[in-house]
Protein backbone atom coordinates (compact mmCIF):
# COMPACT_ATOMS: atom_id res chain seq x y z
CA MET A 1 -0.04 -0.03 0.03
CA ARG A 2 1.37 3.36 -0.87
CA SER A 3 -1.12 5.63 0.82
CA SER A 4 -4.50 5.76 2.46
CA THR A 5 -7.21 8.49 2.83
CA PHE A 6 -10.04 8.44 5.29
CA VAL A 7 -13.12 9.43 3.36
CA VAL A 8 -16.30 9.31 5.64
CA ARG A 9 -17.69 7.64 8.76
CA LYS A 10 -21.42 6.75 8.72
CA ALA A 11 -23.22 6.33 12.14
CA PRO A 12 -25.07 2.96 12.67
CA GLU A 13 -28.50 2.64 11.08
CA TRP A 14 -30.04 1.28 14.34
CA LYS A 15 -29.32 1.72 18.00
CA ALA A 16 -28.11 -1.37 19.96
CA SER A 17 -30.74 -3.80 21.18
CA ALA A 18 -31.14 -5.09 24.71
CA ASN A 19 -29.78 -8.50 23.65
CA ALA A 20 -25.91 -8.57 23.16
CA ILE A 21 -26.12 -11.68 20.97
CA GLU A 22 -28.22 -9.89 18.52
CA ASP A 23 -25.87 -7.04 18.31
CA ASP A 24 -22.98 -9.36 17.55
CA GLU A 25 -25.02 -11.03 14.76
CA GLU A 26 -26.25 -7.77 13.19
CA TYR A 27 -23.39 -6.04 11.39
CA SER A 28 -26.01 -3.60 10.03
CA ARG A 29 -26.14 -2.09 13.60
CA LEU A 30 -22.49 -0.99 13.13
CA GLY A 31 -21.22 2.19 11.73
CA THR A 32 -19.12 2.02 8.66
CA GLU A 33 -15.92 3.90 7.48
CA ILE A 34 -15.01 4.49 3.98
CA TRP A 35 -11.30 4.51 3.07
CA GLU A 36 -9.39 5.00 -0.19
CA PHE A 37 -6.09 3.24 -0.65
CA GLU A 38 -3.43 3.65 -3.31
CA VAL A 39 -1.80 0.17 -3.87
CA ALA A 40 1.66 -0.28 -5.10
CA GLU A 41 2.00 -1.35 -8.74
CA GLY A 42 1.99 -5.20 -8.92
CA LYS A 43 0.51 -5.59 -5.28
CA ASP A 44 -3.15 -5.52 -6.25
CA GLN A 45 -3.85 -9.27 -5.57
CA GLU A 46 -1.70 -9.25 -2.36
CA PHE A 47 -3.82 -6.26 -1.20
CA LYS A 48 -7.13 -7.83 -2.08
CA ASP A 49 -6.11 -11.05 -0.25
CA ALA A 50 -5.13 -9.01 2.99
CA LEU A 51 -8.66 -7.26 2.84
CA LEU A 52 -10.43 -10.63 2.53
CA ASN A 53 -8.47 -12.21 5.45
CA SER A 54 -8.83 -9.35 7.76
CA GLY A 55 -12.29 -10.25 9.11
CA SER A 56 -13.36 -6.78 9.39
CA ILE A 57 -13.90 -5.64 5.82
CA LEU A 58 -17.44 -5.85 4.63
CA GLU A 59 -16.99 -4.56 1.06
CA PHE A 60 -14.44 -3.21 -1.19
CA ALA A 61 -14.15 -2.09 -4.81
CA PRO A 62 -11.43 -0.72 -7.18
CA ILE A 63 -11.73 2.98 -7.99
CA ALA A 64 -10.88 4.07 -11.63
CA THR A 65 -7.89 6.50 -11.67
CA GLU A 66 -6.50 8.83 -14.37
CA ARG A 67 -4.04 6.15 -15.35
CA ASP A 68 -6.60 3.42 -15.81
């Protein structure tokens, strides 16, 4: 990874329930953060693998750049 930029933090859609087990099972109750990363040339797959193995990334997508 060459650089990272914090973009936005979104608050949770719902407030916590009285049942802690439900809270653990309902990821939609969590707030989300959006980040942009610049990945070093040739390291795309290594970066994707790290995201998938992190256990905390819900979604990711490449962003087109001027050089793409």
